[in-house]
Amino acid sequence: MATVDKEPSERECFVNVGEALARVRDNKQLYQKMLDMFLESGDFASLEESLLQKDYRKAADIAHAIKGMTGNLSLTRLYAASSRLTEELRQEASVDEALAEFWAAYSKTRIHVEAIVKEMAAE
């Protein structure tokens, strides 16, 4: 009998919980703490401030830090968007499209992470 591949949910497209839990050896408490740190991170405000000040080198460094954080947490869409933004900032290219993609991914990712943290806290 053939298996049917299930389409991933929107949440699974933004947050790969299984991959992240494997990375932390299934320590849900640690992963929840890491997600809390993501939600409380000042990096996003710092990125916005650097961009407003047109300090693109600093913005690239912050985007790179966000890329690392989101990679470790398996926040897949935001990781991809921060990777693209980092590269475009480093190349001093026009970042309007990459920035729009980044903030859209951040907004959706944040919604999913908040729901996951709430669910984990209720367990």
PDB file of N, CA and C in Angstrom:
ATOM      1  N   MET A   1       0.841  -1.169   0.000  1.00  0.00           N
ATOM      2  CA  MET A   1       0.000   0.000   0.000  1.00  0.00           C
ATOM      3  C   MET A   1       0.893   1.241   0.000  1.00  0.00           C
ATOM      4  N   ALA A   2       0.607   2.157  -0.869  1.00  0.00           N
ATOM      5  CA  ALA A   2       1.407   3.377  -0.989  1.00  0.00           C
ATOM      6  C   ALA A   2       1.088   4.327   0.155  1.00  0.00           C
ATOM      7  N   THR A   3       2.131   5.011   0.612  1.00  0.00           N
ATOM      8  CA  THR A   3       1.915   6.009   1.657  1.00  0.00           C
ATOM      9  C   THR A   3       1.689   7.365   1.002  1.00  0.00           C
ATOM     10  N   VAL A   4       0.880   8.140   1.638  1.00  0.00           N
ATOM     11  CA  VAL A   4       0.590   9.477   1.129  1.00  0.00           C
ATOM     12  C   VAL A   4       1.341  10.467   2.000  1.00  0.00           C
ATOM     13  N   ASP A   5       2.161  11.299   1.349  1.00  0.00           N
ATOM     14  CA  ASP A   5       2.896  12.309   2.099  1.00  0.00           C
ATOM     15  C   ASP A   5       1.932  13.384   2.550  1.00  0.00           C
ATOM     16  N   LYS A   6       1.961  13.646   3.825  1.00  0.00           N
ATOM     17  CA  LYS A   6       1.103  14.682   4.404  1.00  0.00           C
ATOM     18  C   LYS A   6       1.756  16.037   4.170  1.00  0.00           C
ATOM     19  N   GLU A   7       0.964  16.996   3.729  1.00  0.00           N
ATOM     20  CA  GLU A   7       1.468  18.358   3.577  1.00  0.00           C
ATOM     21  C   GLU A   7       1.788  18.912   4.964  1.00  0.00           C
ATOM     22  N   PRO A   8       2.920  19.565   5.110  1.00  0.00           N
ATOM     23  CA  PRO A   8       3.228  20.138   6.425  1.00  0.00           C
ATOM     24  C   PRO A   8       2.262  21.283   6.751  1.00  0.00           C
ATOM     25  N   SER A   9       1.949  21.410   8.018  1.00  0.00           N
ATOM     26  CA  SER A   9       1.091  22.510   8.455  1.00  0.00           C
ATOM     27  C   SER A   9       1.877  23.811   8.339  1.00  0.00           C
ATOM     28  N   GLU A  10       1.158  24.920   8.443  1.00  0.00           N
ATOM     29  CA  GLU A  10       1.858  26.206   8.406  1.00  0.00           C
ATOM     30  C   GLU A  10       2.887  26.263   9.532  1.00  0.00           C
ATOM     31  N   ARG A  11       2.509  25.805  10.719  1.00  0.00           N
ATOM     32  CA  ARG A  11       3.436  25.825  11.850  1.00  0.00           C
ATOM     33  C   ARG A  11       4.697  25.051  11.510  1.00  0.00           C
ATOM     34  N   GLU A  12       4.547  23.872  10.931  1.00  0.00           N
ATOM     35  CA  GLU A  12       5.707  23.052  10.587  1.00  0.00           C
ATOM     36  C   GLU A  12       6.594  23.718   9.536  1.00  0.00           C
ATOM     37  N   CYS A  13       6.012  24.584   8.718  1.00  0.00           N
ATOM     38  CA  CYS A  13       6.806  25.326   7.728  1.00  0.00           C
ATOM     39  C   CYS A  13       7.645  26.420   8.385  1.00  0.00           C
ATOM     40  N   PHE A  14       7.214  26.874   9.549  1.00  0.00           N
ATOM     41  CA  PHE A  14       7.926  27.950  10.238  1.00  0.00           C
ATOM     42  C   PHE A  14       8.796  27.444  11.388  1.00  0.00           C
ATOM     43  N   VAL A  15       8.349  26.382  12.057  1.00  0.00           N
ATOM     44  CA  VAL A  15       9.076  25.858  13.216  1.00  0.00           C
ATOM     45  C   VAL A  15       9.132  24.337  13.099  1.00  0.00           C
ATOM     46  N   ASN A  16      10.345  23.795  13.023  1.00  0.00           N
ATOM     47  CA  ASN A  16      10.520  22.348  12.970  1.00  0.00           C
ATOM     48  C   ASN A  16      10.861  21.864  14.379  1.00  0.00           C
ATOM     49  N   VAL A  17       9.818  21.624  15.165  1.00  0.00           N
ATOM     50  CA  VAL A  17       9.990  21.253  16.570  1.00  0.00           C
ATOM     51  C   VAL A  17      10.742  19.937  16.703  1.00  0.00           C
ATOM     52  N   GLY A  18      10.416  18.967  15.874  1.00  0.00           N
ATOM     53  CA  GLY A  18      11.086  17.667  15.948  1.00  0.00           C
ATOM     54  C   GLY A  18      12.588  17.778  15.751  1.00  0.00           C
ATOM     55  N   GLU A  19      12.997  18.539  14.753  1.00  0.00           N
ATOM     56  CA  GLU A  19      14.423  18.747  14.495  1.00  0.00           C
ATOM     57  C   GLU A  19      15.096  19.456  15.663  1.00  0.00           C
ATOM     58  N   ALA A  20      14.432  20.473  16.189  1.00  0.00           N
ATOM     59  CA  ALA A  20      15.006  21.228  17.308  1.00  0.00           C
ATOM     60  C   ALA A  20      15.120  20.360  18.557  1.00  0.00           C
ATOM     61  N   LEU A  21      14.095  19.572  18.827  1.00  0.00           N
ATOM     62  CA  LEU A  21      14.157  18.696  20.008  1.00  0.00           C
ATOM     63  C   LEU A  21      15.266  17.661  19.861  1.00  0.00           C
ATOM     64  N   ALA A  22      15.471  17.160  18.658  1.00  0.00           N
ATOM     65  CA  ALA A  22      16.578  16.222  18.435  1.00  0.00           C
ATOM     66  C   ALA A  22      17.906  16.901  18.734  1.00  0.00           C
ATOM     67  N   ARG A  23      18.019  18.179  18.380  1.00  0.00           N
ATOM     68  CA  ARG A  23      19.254  18.933  18.610  1.00  0.00           C
ATOM     69  C   ARG A  23      19.547  19.074  20.106  1.00  0.00           C
ATOM     70  N   VAL A  24      18.492  19.172  20.925  1.00  0.00           N
ATOM     71  CA  VAL A  24      18.682  19.329  22.376  1.00  0.00           C
ATOM     72  C   VAL A  24      18.398  18.017  23.124  1.00  0.00           C
ATOM     73  N   ARG A  25      18.534  16.922  22.398  1.00  0.00           N
ATOM     74  CA  ARG A  25      18.366  15.574  22.974  1.00  0.00           C
ATOM     75  C   ARG A  25      17.026  15.396  23.673  1.00  0.00           C
ATOM     76  N   ASP A  26      15.986  15.907  23.033  1.00  0.00           N
ATOM     77  CA  ASP A  26      14.601  15.776  23.494  1.00  0.00           C
ATOM     78  C   ASP A  26      14.328  16.454  24.838  1.00  0.00           C
ATOM     79  N   ASN A  27      15.140  17.419  25.186  1.00  0.00           N
ATOM     80  CA  ASN A  27      14.958  18.159  26.433  1.00  0.00           C
ATOM     81  C   ASN A  27      13.967  19.305  26.178  1.00  0.00           C
ATOM     82  N   LYS A  28      12.682  19.018  26.394  1.00  0.00           N
ATOM     83  CA  LYS A  28      11.635  19.996  26.110  1.00  0.00           C
ATOM     84  C   LYS A  28      11.772  21.248  26.971  1.00  0.00           C
ATOM     85  N   GLN A  29      12.194  21.061  28.194  1.00  0.00           N
ATOM     86  CA  GLN A  29      12.352  22.208  29.094  1.00  0.00           C
ATOM     87  C   GLN A  29      13.434  23.160  28.561  1.00  0.00           C
ATOM     88  N   LEU A  30      14.523  22.610  28.081  1.00  0.00           N
ATOM     89  CA  LEU A  30      15.589  23.427  27.506  1.00  0.00           C
ATOM     90  C   LEU A  30      15.101  24.134  26.246  1.00  0.00           C
ATOM     91  N   TYR A  31      14.407  23.404  25.378  1.00  0.00           N
ATOM     92  CA  TYR A  31      13.910  24.019  24.149  1.00  0.00           C
ATOM     93  C   TYR A  31      12.924  25.147  24.463  1.00  0.00           C
ATOM     94  N   GLN A  32      12.059  24.923  25.441  1.00  0.00           N
ATOM     95  CA  GLN A  32      11.119  25.966  25.833  1.00  0.00           C
ATOM     96  C   GLN A  32      11.864  27.204  26.338  1.00  0.00           C
ATOM     97  N   LYS A  33      12.897  26.997  27.117  1.00  0.00           N
ATOM     98  CA  LYS A  33      13.701  28.117  27.623  1.00  0.00           C
ATOM     99  C   LYS A  33      14.367  28.867  26.464  1.00  0.00           C
ATOM    100  N   MET A  34      14.848  28.113  25.479  1.00  0.00           N
ATOM    101  CA  MET A  34      15.478  28.735  24.317  1.00  0.00           C
ATOM    102  C   MET A  34      14.460  29.537  23.497  1.00  0.00           C
ATOM    103  N   LEU A  35      13.252  29.009  23.374  1.00  0.00           N
ATOM    104  CA  LEU A  35      12.203  29.736  22.669  1.00  0.00           C
ATOM    105  C   LEU A  35      11.817  31.007  23.422  1.00  0.00           C
ATOM    106  N   ASP A  36      11.780  30.916  24.750  1.00  0.00           N
ATOM    107  CA  ASP A  36      11.517  32.116  25.559  1.00  0.00           C
ATOM    108  C   ASP A  36      12.589  33.179  25.307  1.00  0.00           C
ATOM    109  N   MET A  37      13.829  32.747  25.207  1.00  0.00           N
ATOM    110  CA  MET A  37      14.924  33.683  24.937  1.00  0.00           C
ATOM    111  C   MET A  37      14.748  34.335  23.563  1.00  0.00           C
ATOM    112  N   PHE A  38      14.290  33.561  22.592  1.00  0.00           N
ATOM    113  CA  PHE A  38      14.008  34.115  21.272  1.00  0.00           C
ATOM    114  C   PHE A  38      12.948  35.213  21.388  1.00  0.00           C
ATOM    115  N   LEU A  39      11.869  34.917  22.107  1.00  0.00           N
ATOM    116  CA  LEU A  39      10.778  35.886  22.238  1.00  0.00           C
ATOM    117  C   LEU A  39      11.215  37.157  22.953  1.00  0.00           C
ATOM    118  N   GLU A  40      12.183  37.035  23.853  1.00  0.00           N
ATOM    119  CA  GLU A  40      12.655  38.179  24.628  1.00  0.00           C
ATOM    120  C   GLU A  40      13.874  38.869  24.004  1.00  0.00           C
ATOM    121  N   SER A  41      14.360  38.335  22.906  1.00  0.00           N
ATOM    122  CA  SER A  41      15.582  38.849  22.284  1.00  0.00           C
ATOM    123  C   SER A  41      15.438  40.309  21.861  1.00  0.00           C
ATOM    124  N   GLY A  42      16.452  41.081  22.170  1.00  0.00           N
ATOM    125  CA  GLY A  42      16.504  42.471  21.739  1.00  0.00           C
ATOM    126  C   GLY A  42      17.133  42.638  20.365  1.00  0.00           C
ATOM    127  N   ASP A  43      17.549  41.525  19.757  1.00  0.00           N
ATOM    128  CA  ASP A  43      18.220  41.598  18.458  1.00  0.00           C
ATOM    129  C   ASP A  43      17.332  42.206  17.370  1.00  0.00           C
ATOM    130  N   PHE A  44      16.042  41.952  17.445  1.00  0.00           N
ATOM    131  CA  PHE A  44      15.143  42.439  16.397  1.00  0.00           C
ATOM    132  C   PHE A  44      15.000  43.956  16.464  1.00  0.00           C
ATOM    133  N   ALA A  45      14.893  44.486  17.664  1.00  0.00           N
ATOM    134  CA  ALA A  45      14.846  45.943  17.832  1.00  0.00           C
ATOM    135  C   ALA A  45      16.189  46.562  17.450  1.00  0.00           C
ATOM    136  N   SER A  46      17.285  45.904  17.793  1.00  0.00           N
ATOM    137  CA  SER A  46      18.618  46.398  17.438  1.00  0.00           C
ATOM    138  C   SER A  46      18.813  46.406  15.923  1.00  0.00           C
ATOM    139  N   LEU A  47      18.303  45.387  15.259  1.00  0.00           N
ATOM    140  CA  LEU A  47      18.392  45.341  13.802  1.00  0.00           C
ATOM    141  C   LEU A  47      17.632  46.514  13.198  1.00  0.00           C
ATOM    142  N   GLU A  48      16.434  46.722  13.679  1.00  0.00           N
ATOM    143  CA  GLU A  48      15.617  47.825  13.167  1.00  0.00           C
ATOM    144  C   GLU A  48      16.309  49.175  13.388  1.00  0.00           C
ATOM    145  N   GLU A  49      16.880  49.355  14.564  1.00  0.00           N
ATOM    146  CA  GLU A  49      17.580  50.600  14.891  1.00  0.00           C
ATOM    147  C   GLU A  49      18.804  50.793  13.986  1.00  0.00           C
ATOM    148  N   SER A  50      19.564  49.745  13.769  1.00  0.00           N
ATOM    149  CA  SER A  50      20.745  49.829  12.897  1.00  0.00           C
ATOM    150  C   SER A  50      20.353  50.200  11.473  1.00  0.00           C
ATOM    151  N   LEU A  51      19.255  49.643  11.013  1.00  0.00           N
ATOM    152  CA  LEU A  51      18.792  49.962   9.667  1.00  0.00           C
ATOM    153  C   LEU A  51      18.331  51.415   9.576  1.00  0.00           C
ATOM    154  N   LEU A  52      17.630  51.877  10.610  1.00  0.00           N
ATOM    155  CA  LEU A  52      17.193  53.274  10.625  1.00  0.00           C
ATOM    156  C   LEU A  52      18.390  54.232  10.603  1.00  0.00           C
ATOM    157  N   GLN A  53      19.464  53.835  11.278  1.00  0.00           N
ATOM    158  CA  GLN A  53      20.677  54.654  11.321  1.00  0.00           C
ATOM    159  C   GLN A  53      21.571  54.429  10.105  1.00  0.00           C
ATOM    160  N   LYS A  54      21.125  53.551   9.217  1.00  0.00           N
ATOM    161  CA  LYS A  54      21.881  53.200   8.004  1.00  0.00           C
ATOM    162  C   LYS A  54      23.267  52.638   8.320  1.00  0.00           C
ATOM    163  N   ASP A  55      23.352  51.950   9.462  1.00  0.00           N
ATOM    164  CA  ASP A  55      24.588  51.273   9.852  1.00  0.00           C
ATOM    165  C   ASP A  55      24.470  49.830   9.362  1.00  0.00           C
ATOM    166  N   TYR A  56      24.731  49.637   8.072  1.00  0.00           N
ATOM    167  CA  TYR A  56      24.486  48.354   7.443  1.00  0.00           C
ATOM    168  C   TYR A  56      25.467  47.266   7.883  1.00  0.00           C
ATOM    169  N   ARG A  57      26.661  47.671   8.261  1.00  0.00           N
ATOM    170  CA  ARG A  57      27.625  46.680   8.766  1.00  0.00           C
ATOM    171  C   ARG A  57      27.119  46.086  10.088  1.00  0.00           C
ATOM    172  N   LYS A  58      26.659  46.955  10.973  1.00  0.00           N
ATOM    173  CA  LYS A  58      26.113  46.483  12.248  1.00  0.00           C
ATOM    174  C   LYS A  58      24.839  45.672  12.005  1.00  0.00           C
ATOM    175  N   ALA A  59      24.001  46.131  11.089  1.00  0.00           N
ATOM    176  CA  ALA A  59      22.770  45.405  10.763  1.00  0.00           C
ATOM    177  C   ALA A  59      23.098  44.008  10.237  1.00  0.00           C
ATOM    178  N   ALA A  60      24.142  43.894   9.407  1.00  0.00           N
ATOM    179  CA  ALA A  60      24.552  42.581   8.883  1.00  0.00           C
ATOM    180  C   ALA A  60      25.008  41.674  10.016  1.00  0.00           C
ATOM    181  N   ASP A  61      25.746  42.220  10.976  1.00  0.00           N
ATOM    182  CA  ASP A  61      26.200  41.424  12.130  1.00  0.00           C
ATOM    183  C   ASP A  61      25.016  40.939  12.964  1.00  0.00           C
ATOM    184  N   ILE A  62      24.049  41.815  13.164  1.00  0.00           N
ATOM    185  CA  ILE A  62      22.866  41.427  13.950  1.00  0.00           C
ATOM    186  C   ILE A  62      22.042  40.393  13.188  1.00  0.00           C
ATOM    187  N   ALA A  63      21.859  40.598  11.889  1.00  0.00           N
ATOM    188  CA  ALA A  63      21.122  39.625  11.076  1.00  0.00           C
ATOM    189  C   ALA A  63      21.822  38.267  11.115  1.00  0.00           C
ATOM    190  N   HIS A  64      23.150  38.286  11.114  1.00  0.00           N
ATOM    191  CA  HIS A  64      23.921  37.036  11.194  1.00  0.00           C
ATOM    192  C   HIS A  64      23.687  36.345  12.550  1.00  0.00           C
ATOM    193  N   ALA A  65      23.647  37.113  13.620  1.00  0.00           N
ATOM    194  CA  ALA A  65      23.365  36.540  14.949  1.00  0.00           C
ATOM    195  C   ALA A  65      21.958  35.944  14.981  1.00  0.00           C
ATOM    196  N   ILE A  66      21.012  36.633  14.382  1.00  0.00           N
ATOM    197  CA  ILE A  66      19.633  36.120  14.309  1.00  0.00           C
ATOM    198  C   ILE A  66      19.602  34.836  13.499  1.00  0.00           C
ATOM    199  N   LYS A  67      20.360  34.806  12.427  1.00  0.00           N
ATOM    200  CA  LYS A  67      20.459  33.596  11.594  1.00  0.00           C
ATOM    201  C   LYS A  67      20.931  32.409  12.437  1.00  0.00           C
ATOM    202  N   GLY A  68      21.956  32.619  13.258  1.00  0.00           N
ATOM    203  CA  GLY A  68      22.451  31.544  14.116  1.00  0.00           C
ATOM    204  C   GLY A  68      21.413  31.100  15.133  1.00  0.00           C
ATOM    205  N   MET A  69      20.768  32.067  15.762  1.00  0.00           N
ATOM    206  CA  MET A  69      19.754  31.744  16.766  1.00  0.00           C
ATOM    207  C   MET A  69      18.602  30.966  16.135  1.00  0.00           C
ATOM    208  N   THR A  70      18.121  31.437  14.988  1.00  0.00           N
ATOM    209  CA  THR A  70      16.975  30.782  14.369  1.00  0.00           C
ATOM    210  C   THR A  70      17.350  29.413  13.808  1.00  0.00           C
ATOM    211  N   GLY A  71      18.585  29.261  13.380  1.00  0.00           N
ATOM    212  CA  GLY A  71      19.043  27.948  12.927  1.00  0.00           C
ATOM    213  C   GLY A  71      19.062  26.946  14.071  1.00  0.00           C
ATOM    214  N   ASN A  72      19.577  27.359  15.215  1.00  0.00           N
ATOM    215  CA  ASN A  72      19.626  26.476  16.385  1.00  0.00           C
ATOM    216  C   ASN A  72      18.242  26.087  16.872  1.00  0.00           C
ATOM    217  N   LEU A  73      17.276  26.983  16.696  1.00  0.00           N
ATOM    218  CA  LEU A  73      15.914  26.725  17.160  1.00  0.00           C
ATOM    219  C   LEU A  73      15.038  26.078  16.089  1.00  0.00           C
ATOM    220  N   SER A  74      15.595  25.868  14.907  1.00  0.00           N
ATOM    221  CA  SER A  74      14.864  25.304  13.766  1.00  0.00           C
ATOM    222  C   SER A  74      13.648  26.145  13.391  1.00  0.00           C
ATOM    223  N   LEU A  75      13.841  27.456  13.385  1.00  0.00           N
ATOM    224  CA  LEU A  75      12.814  28.388  12.930  1.00  0.00           C
ATOM    225  C   LEU A  75      13.083  28.618  11.448  1.00  0.00           C
ATOM    226  N   THR A  76      12.634  27.689  10.640  1.00  0.00           N
ATOM    227  CA  THR A  76      13.115  27.516   9.280  1.00  0.00           C
ATOM    228  C   THR A  76      12.888  28.707   8.350  1.00  0.00           C
ATOM    229  N   ARG A  77      11.709  29.257   8.327  1.00  0.00           N
ATOM    230  CA  ARG A  77      11.449  30.384   7.411  1.00  0.00           C
ATOM    231  C   ARG A  77      12.233  31.625   7.835  1.00  0.00           C
ATOM    232  N   LEU A  78      12.281  31.876   9.124  1.00  0.00           N
ATOM    233  CA  LEU A  78      13.018  33.043   9.603  1.00  0.00           C
ATOM    234  C   LEU A  78      14.514  32.845   9.405  1.00  0.00           C
ATOM    235  N   TYR A  79      14.976  31.609   9.547  1.00  0.00           N
ATOM    236  CA  TYR A  79      16.387  31.304   9.271  1.00  0.00           C
ATOM    237  C   TYR A  79      16.718  31.631   7.810  1.00  0.00           C
ATOM    238  N   ALA A  80      15.878  31.185   6.890  1.00  0.00           N
ATOM    239  CA  ALA A  80      16.113  31.443   5.469  1.00  0.00           C
ATOM    240  C   ALA A  80      16.083  32.942   5.177  1.00  0.00           C
ATOM    241  N   ALA A  81      15.123  33.631   5.767  1.00  0.00           N
ATOM    242  CA  ALA A  81      15.005  35.075   5.534  1.00  0.00           C
ATOM    243  C   ALA A  81      16.186  35.836   6.131  1.00  0.00           C
ATOM    244  N   SER A  82      16.654  35.412   7.303  1.00  0.00           N
ATOM    245  CA  SER A  82      17.792  36.099   7.919  1.00  0.00           C
ATOM    246  C   SER A  82      19.089  35.786   7.172  1.00  0.00           C
ATOM    247  N   SER A  83      19.181  34.611   6.601  1.00  0.00           N
ATOM    248  CA  SER A  83      20.344  34.269   5.772  1.00  0.00           C
ATOM    249  C   SER A  83      20.417  35.183   4.562  1.00  0.00           C
ATOM    250  N   ARG A  84      19.286  35.324   3.898  1.00  0.00           N
ATOM    251  CA  ARG A  84      19.246  36.192   2.710  1.00  0.00           C
ATOM    252  C   ARG A  84      19.544  37.637   3.097  1.00  0.00           C
ATOM    253  N   LEU A  85      18.932  38.114   4.173  1.00  0.00           N
ATOM    254  CA  LEU A  85      19.147  39.496   4.599  1.00  0.00           C
ATOM    255  C   LEU A  85      20.613  39.735   4.956  1.00  0.00           C
ATOM    256  N   THR A  86      21.221  38.794   5.654  1.00  0.00           N
ATOM    257  CA  THR A  86      22.635  38.913   6.021  1.00  0.00           C
ATOM    258  C   THR A  86      23.500  39.088   4.784  1.00  0.00           C
ATOM    259  N   GLU A  87      23.292  38.230   3.801  1.00  0.00           N
ATOM    260  CA  GLU A  87      24.107  38.289   2.587  1.00  0.00           C
ATOM    261  C   GLU A  87      23.895  39.590   1.826  1.00  0.00           C
ATOM    262  N   GLU A  88      22.659  40.029   1.717  1.00  0.00           N
ATOM    263  CA  GLU A  88      22.397  41.263   0.971  1.00  0.00           C
ATOM    264  C   GLU A  88      22.955  42.482   1.698  1.00  0.00           C
ATOM    265  N   LEU A  89      22.885  42.469   3.027  1.00  0.00           N
ATOM    266  CA  LEU A  89      23.482  43.572   3.784  1.00  0.00           C
ATOM    267  C   LEU A  89      24.995  43.583   3.615  1.00  0.00           C
ATOM    268  N   ARG A  90      25.612  42.413   3.641  1.00  0.00           N
ATOM    269  CA  ARG A  90      27.068  42.329   3.475  1.00  0.00           C
ATOM    270  C   ARG A  90      27.513  42.764   2.084  1.00  0.00           C
ATOM    271  N   GLN A  91      26.675  42.516   1.098  1.00  0.00           N
ATOM    272  CA  GLN A  91      27.009  42.907  -0.281  1.00  0.00           C
ATOM    273  C   GLN A  91      26.582  44.336  -0.568  1.00  0.00           C
ATOM    274  N   GLU A  92      26.017  44.976   0.441  1.00  0.00           N
ATOM    275  CA  GLU A  92      25.526  46.350   0.303  1.00  0.00           C
ATOM    276  C   GLU A  92      24.575  46.476  -0.872  1.00  0.00           C
ATOM    277  N   ALA A  93      23.737  45.441  -1.031  1.00  0.00           N
ATOM    278  CA  ALA A  93      22.730  45.424  -2.089  1.00  0.00           C
ATOM    279  C   ALA A  93      21.446  46.060  -1.551  1.00  0.00           C
ATOM    280  N   SER A  94      20.509  46.265  -2.442  1.00  0.00           N
ATOM    281  CA  SER A  94      19.207  46.765  -2.021  1.00  0.00           C
ATOM    282  C   SER A  94      18.531  45.676  -1.189  1.00  0.00           C
ATOM    283  N   VAL A  95      18.101  46.037  -0.007  1.00  0.00           N
ATOM    284  CA  VAL A  95      17.573  45.033   0.918  1.00  0.00           C
ATOM    285  C   VAL A  95      16.063  45.120   1.107  1.00  0.00           C
ATOM    286  N   ASP A  96      15.381  45.968   0.352  1.00  0.00           N
ATOM    287  CA  ASP A  96      13.951  46.169   0.571  1.00  0.00           C
ATOM    288  C   ASP A  96      13.153  44.868   0.523  1.00  0.00           C
ATOM    289  N   GLU A  97      13.361  44.082  -0.509  1.00  0.00           N
ATOM    290  CA  GLU A  97      12.621  42.824  -0.656  1.00  0.00           C
ATOM    291  C   GLU A  97      13.011  41.828   0.435  1.00  0.00           C
ATOM    292  N   ALA A  98      14.298  41.696   0.696  1.00  0.00           N
ATOM    293  CA  ALA A  98      14.771  40.775   1.736  1.00  0.00           C
ATOM    294  C   ALA A  98      14.266  41.205   3.101  1.00  0.00           C
ATOM    295  N   LEU A  99      14.210  42.492   3.330  1.00  0.00           N
ATOM    296  CA  LEU A  99      13.733  43.015   4.605  1.00  0.00           C
ATOM    297  C   LEU A  99      12.239  42.743   4.785  1.00  0.00           C
ATOM    298  N   ALA A 100      11.472  42.936   3.737  1.00  0.00           N
ATOM    299  CA  ALA A 100      10.032  42.645   3.802  1.00  0.00           C
ATOM    300  C   ALA A 100       9.805  41.160   4.094  1.00  0.00           C
ATOM    301  N   GLU A 101      10.577  40.301   3.429  1.00  0.00           N
ATOM    302  CA  GLU A 101      10.478  38.857   3.653  1.00  0.00           C
ATOM    303  C   GLU A 101      10.865  38.527   5.105  1.00  0.00           C
ATOM    304  N   PHE A 102      11.922  39.161   5.596  1.00  0.00           N
ATOM    305  CA  PHE A 102      12.395  38.930   6.960  1.00  0.00           C
ATOM    306  C   PHE A 102      11.322  39.281   7.990  1.00  0.00           C
ATOM    307  N   TRP A 103      10.754  40.492   7.884  1.00  0.00           N
ATOM    308  CA  TRP A 103       9.767  40.921   8.881  1.00  0.00           C
ATOM    309  C   TRP A 103       8.492  40.095   8.796  1.00  0.00           C
ATOM    310  N   ALA A 104       8.096  39.681   7.601  1.00  0.00           N
ATOM    311  CA  ALA A 104       6.924  38.815   7.460  1.00  0.00           C
ATOM    312  C   ALA A 104       7.184  37.461   8.126  1.00  0.00           C
ATOM    313  N   ALA A 105       8.369  36.911   7.883  1.00  0.00           N
ATOM    314  CA  ALA A 105       8.729  35.628   8.500  1.00  0.00           C
ATOM    315  C   ALA A 105       8.822  35.768  10.014  1.00  0.00           C
ATOM    316  N   TYR A 106       9.380  36.880  10.498  1.00  0.00           N
ATOM    317  CA  TYR A 106       9.484  37.112  11.940  1.00  0.00           C
ATOM    318  C   TYR A 106       8.099  37.158  12.579  1.00  0.00           C
ATOM    319  N   SER A 107       7.197  37.878  11.965  1.00  0.00           N
ATOM    320  CA  SER A 107       5.852  38.027  12.511  1.00  0.00           C
ATOM    321  C   SER A 107       5.147  36.678  12.636  1.00  0.00           C
ATOM    322  N   LYS A 108       5.163  35.898  11.570  1.00  0.00           N
ATOM    323  CA  LYS A 108       4.515  34.576  11.592  1.00  0.00           C
ATOM    324  C   LYS A 108       5.233  33.624  12.545  1.00  0.00           C
ATOM    325  N   THR A 109       6.555  33.649  12.529  1.00  0.00           N
ATOM    326  CA  THR A 109       7.321  32.768  13.402  1.00  0.00           C
ATOM    327  C   THR A 109       7.003  33.073  14.863  1.00  0.00           C
ATOM    328  N   ARG A 110       6.967  34.332  15.199  1.00  0.00           N
ATOM    329  CA  ARG A 110       6.683  34.747  16.578  1.00  0.00           C
ATOM    330  C   ARG A 110       5.321  34.213  17.034  1.00  0.00           C
ATOM    331  N   ILE A 111       4.319  34.302  16.182  1.00  0.00           N
ATOM    332  CA  ILE A 111       2.980  33.786  16.515  1.00  0.00           C
ATOM    333  C   ILE A 111       3.057  32.288  16.821  1.00  0.00           C
ATOM    334  N   HIS A 112       3.756  31.542  15.972  1.00  0.00           N
ATOM    335  CA  HIS A 112       3.859  30.096  16.167  1.00  0.00           C
ATOM    336  C   HIS A 112       4.672  29.758  17.417  1.00  0.00           C
ATOM    337  N   VAL A 113       5.765  30.471  17.644  1.00  0.00           N
ATOM    338  CA  VAL A 113       6.598  30.220  18.821  1.00  0.00           C
ATOM    339  C   VAL A 113       5.809  30.510  20.102  1.00  0.00           C
ATOM    340  N   GLU A 114       5.066  31.594  20.131  1.00  0.00           N
ATOM    341  CA  GLU A 114       4.260  31.912  21.307  1.00  0.00           C
ATOM    342  C   GLU A 114       3.262  30.794  21.595  1.00  0.00           C
ATOM    343  N   ALA A 115       2.633  30.250  20.554  1.00  0.00           N
ATOM    344  CA  ALA A 115       1.681  29.145  20.730  1.00  0.00           C
ATOM    345  C   ALA A 115       2.391  27.888  21.238  1.00  0.00           C
ATOM    346  N   ILE A 116       3.546  27.588  20.693  1.00  0.00           N
ATOM    347  CA  ILE A 116       4.305  26.408  21.119  1.00  0.00           C
ATOM    348  C   ILE A 116       4.716  26.540  22.578  1.00  0.00           C
ATOM    349  N   VAL A 117       5.219  27.691  22.960  1.00  0.00           N
ATOM    350  CA  VAL A 117       5.632  27.913  24.356  1.00  0.00           C
ATOM    351  C   VAL A 117       4.444  27.742  25.291  1.00  0.00           C
ATOM    352  N   LYS A 118       3.314  28.285  24.906  1.00  0.00           N
ATOM    353  CA  LYS A 118       2.101  28.157  25.721  1.00  0.00           C
ATOM    354  C   LYS A 118       1.692  26.694  25.873  1.00  0.00           C
ATOM    355  N   GLU A 119       1.739  25.954  24.771  1.00  0.00           N
ATOM    356  CA  GLU A 119       1.408  24.523  24.812  1.00  0.00           C
ATOM    357  C   GLU A 119       2.393  23.753  25.682  1.00  0.00           C
ATOM    358  N   MET A 120       3.670  24.060  25.568  1.00  0.00           N
ATOM    359  CA  MET A 120       4.690  23.358  26.355  1.00  0.00           C
ATOM    360  C   MET A 120       4.513  23.659  27.840  1.00  0.00           C
ATOM    361  N   ALA A 121       4.157  24.871  28.160  1.00  0.00           N
ATOM    362  CA  ALA A 121       3.950  25.251  29.560  1.00  0.00           C
ATOM    363  C   ALA A 121       2.753  24.536  30.164  1.00  0.00           C
ATOM    364  N   ALA A 122       1.772  24.218  29.322  1.00  0.00           N
ATOM    365  CA  ALA A 122       0.554  23.541  29.800  1.00  0.00           C
ATOM    366  C   ALA A 122       0.756  22.033  29.990  1.00  0.00           C
ATOM    367  N   GLU A 123       1.826  21.492  29.424  1.00  0.00           N
ATOM    368  CA  GLU A 123       2.089  20.032  29.531  1.00  0.00           C
ATOM    369  C   GLU A 123       2.494  19.634  30.930  1.00  0.00           C
TER     370      GLU A 123
END
